[in-house]
Amino acid sequence: MVIIFLIPFLFAELYLSLSVVEELGAGWSVLWIVGTIFIGIKLLKSSQYAIEGGMKNVSKGKLDIQSFQNASMAYLLGSILLLIPGILSDTFGVMALIYTLYLQFIAKVTPEKPNFNEKGDNDVIDVEIISEHSSNNSNS
């Protein structure tokens, strides 16, 4: 099943890469490929910090868990796609990273939910019930 999508992707990647080599030249194309590989490696190395920041946003109530999962997966997918040499994979990688930046921006402008981490109900009054039966027995 994956082969059905992989073969057209590889042909499109080859065609676009050869077109860019023809337009820019081999030197600039090699520089592009090496540059995106280094960017992908740097992003993968810093992925733990990006995921940690997303978890902090979830704990503050600024980001829901589904958006956190989407942002984390898009970040990792974008980083991996930048590692793959080729114009089409780089384009998809940059699009995934832009989506991640969008979700992080939404988390940044969303106000924190007050008392998001507190457990329990603040409207409950703790009372102690004193049985009258025990006080009547001591008088008799």
Protein backbone atom coordinates (compact mmCIF):
# COMPACT_ATOMS: atom_id res chain seq x y z
CA MET A 1 0.00 0.00 0.00
CA VAL A 2 2.82 2.42 0.86
CA ILE A 3 4.53 1.60 -2.44
CA ILE A 4 1.57 3.09 -4.31
CA PHE A 5 2.32 6.50 -2.77
CA LEU A 6 6.09 6.12 -2.53
CA ILE A 7 6.83 5.59 -6.23
CA PRO A 8 5.07 8.76 -7.48
CA PHE A 9 6.66 10.71 -4.63
CA LEU A 10 10.13 9.50 -5.63
CA PHE A 11 9.55 10.39 -9.29
CA ALA A 12 8.27 13.85 -8.36
CA GLU A 13 11.24 14.30 -6.03
CA LEU A 14 13.69 13.31 -8.77
CA TYR A 15 12.03 15.58 -11.33
CA LEU A 16 11.96 18.61 -9.01
CA SER A 17 15.53 18.03 -7.85
CA LEU A 18 16.82 17.84 -11.41
CA SER A 19 14.85 20.96 -12.33
CA VAL A 20 16.40 22.88 -9.44
CA VAL A 21 19.89 21.64 -10.35
CA GLU A 22 19.27 22.83 -13.90
CA GLU A 23 18.07 26.27 -12.72
CA LEU A 24 20.46 26.98 -9.83
CA GLY A 25 23.44 24.87 -10.72
CA ALA A 26 24.98 21.86 -9.03
CA GLY A 27 26.97 23.84 -6.45
CA TRP A 28 23.98 25.71 -5.06
CA SER A 29 21.88 22.56 -5.07
CA VAL A 30 24.49 20.67 -3.07
CA LEU A 31 24.70 23.62 -0.67
CA TRP A 32 20.89 23.52 -0.32
CA ILE A 33 20.90 19.79 0.44
CA VAL A 34 23.75 19.97 2.95
CA GLY A 35 22.19 23.02 4.62
CA THR A 36 18.79 21.39 5.08
CA ILE A 37 20.43 18.23 6.43
CA PHE A 38 22.24 20.28 9.09
CA ILE A 39 19.03 22.15 9.93
CA GLY A 40 17.17 18.83 10.25
CA ILE A 41 19.87 17.45 12.56
CA LYS A 42 19.78 20.60 14.71
CA LEU A 43 15.97 20.44 14.95
CA LEU A 44 16.04 16.76 15.92
CA LYS A 45 18.63 17.46 18.61
CA SER A 46 16.46 20.22 20.08
CA SER A 47 13.22 18.26 19.79
CA GLN A 48 13.23 17.40 23.50
CA TYR A 49 13.05 21.11 24.36
CA ALA A 50 10.25 21.73 21.89
CA ILE A 51 8.23 18.83 23.29
CA GLU A 52 8.96 19.99 26.85
CA GLY A 53 7.65 23.45 26.00
CA GLY A 54 4.52 21.90 24.54
CA MET A 55 3.99 19.87 27.70
CA LYS A 56 4.27 23.05 29.79
CA ASN A 57 1.61 24.65 27.61
CA VAL A 58 -0.65 21.64 28.14
CA SER A 59 -0.13 21.77 31.91
CA LYS A 60 -1.05 25.47 31.95
CA GLY A 61 -4.21 24.81 29.95
CA LYS A 62 -3.00 26.85 26.98
CA LEU A 63 -2.93 23.88 24.61
CA ASP A 64 -5.13 20.81 24.50
CA ILE A 65 -3.62 17.35 24.29
CA GLN A 66 -4.64 16.80 20.65
CA SER A 67 -2.93 20.02 19.54
CA PHE A 68 0.15 19.04 21.55
CA GLN A 69 0.29 15.67 19.81
CA ASN A 70 -0.17 17.32 16.40
CA ALA A 71 2.55 19.87 17.10
CA SER A 72 5.00 17.24 18.37
CA MET A 73 4.41 14.90 15.44
CA ALA A 74 4.63 17.75 12.90
CA TYR A 75 7.89 18.92 14.48
CA LEU A 76 9.45 15.46 14.32
CA LEU A 77 8.12 14.77 10.82
CA GLY A 78 9.35 18.15 9.57
CA SER A 79 12.80 17.53 11.04
CA ILE A 80 13.04 14.10 9.45
CA LEU A 81 11.82 15.35 6.08
CA LEU A 82 14.54 18.01 6.11
CA LEU A 83 17.10 15.23 6.53
CA ILE A 84 15.97 13.56 3.32
CA PRO A 85 17.74 15.15 0.35
CA GLY A 86 15.34 16.60 -2.17
CA ILE A 87 13.19 19.61 -2.89
CA LEU A 88 9.78 18.01 -2.37
CA SER A 89 10.68 16.47 0.98
CA ASP A 90 12.18 19.80 2.09
CA THR A 91 8.98 21.59 1.08
CA PHE A 92 6.82 19.17 3.06
CA GLY A 93 9.23 19.44 6.01
CA VAL A 94 9.02 23.24 6.03
CA MET A 95 5.21 23.05 5.81
CA ALA A 96 5.12 20.72 8.83
CA LEU A 97 7.38 23.08 10.78
CA ILE A 98 5.20 26.07 9.86
CA TYR A 99 2.19 24.15 11.22
CA THR A 100 4.13 23.53 14.44
CA LEU A 101 4.97 27.23 14.71
CA TYR A 102 1.30 28.06 14.16
CA LEU A 103 0.22 25.78 17.02
CA GLN A 104 2.92 27.23 19.29
CA PHE A 105 1.77 30.75 18.42
CA ILE A 106 -1.80 29.81 19.31
CA ALA A 107 -0.56 28.45 22.64
CA LYS A 108 1.42 31.64 23.23
CA VAL A 109 -1.56 33.98 22.73
CA THR A 110 -4.07 31.78 24.58
CA PRO A 111 -4.51 32.92 28.17
CA GLU A 112 -3.80 30.47 30.96
CA LYS A 113 -6.80 28.79 32.49
CA PRO A 114 -6.97 29.68 36.19
CA ASN A 115 -6.75 26.77 38.63
CA PHE A 116 -6.20 24.36 35.73
CA ASN A 117 -3.96 22.00 37.70
CA GLU A 118 -5.88 22.08 40.96
CA LYS A 119 -7.79 18.95 41.80
CA GLY A 120 -11.00 18.87 43.72
CA ASP A 121 -13.84 21.29 44.12
CA ASN A 122 -13.21 24.65 45.75
CA ASP A 123 -16.91 25.07 46.66
CA VAL A 124 -16.98 22.15 49.13
CA ILE A 125 -17.05 23.03 52.81
CA ASP A 126 -15.44 20.54 55.14
CA VAL A 127 -17.63 19.85 58.15
CA GLU A 128 -17.43 17.62 61.16
CA ILE A 129 -20.55 15.84 62.39
CA ILE A 130 -20.78 15.29 66.11
CA SER A 131 -23.18 12.64 67.17
CA GLU A 132 -25.57 13.67 69.95
CA HIS A 133 -25.98 10.07 70.99
CA SER A 134 -22.47 9.89 72.42
CA SER A 135 -22.96 13.05 74.49
CA ASN A 136 -26.28 11.75 75.93
CA ASN A 137 -24.68 8.52 77.14
CA SER A 138 -22.06 10.39 79.15
CA ASN A 139 -24.73 12.38 81.04
CA SER A 140 -26.68 9.30 82.15
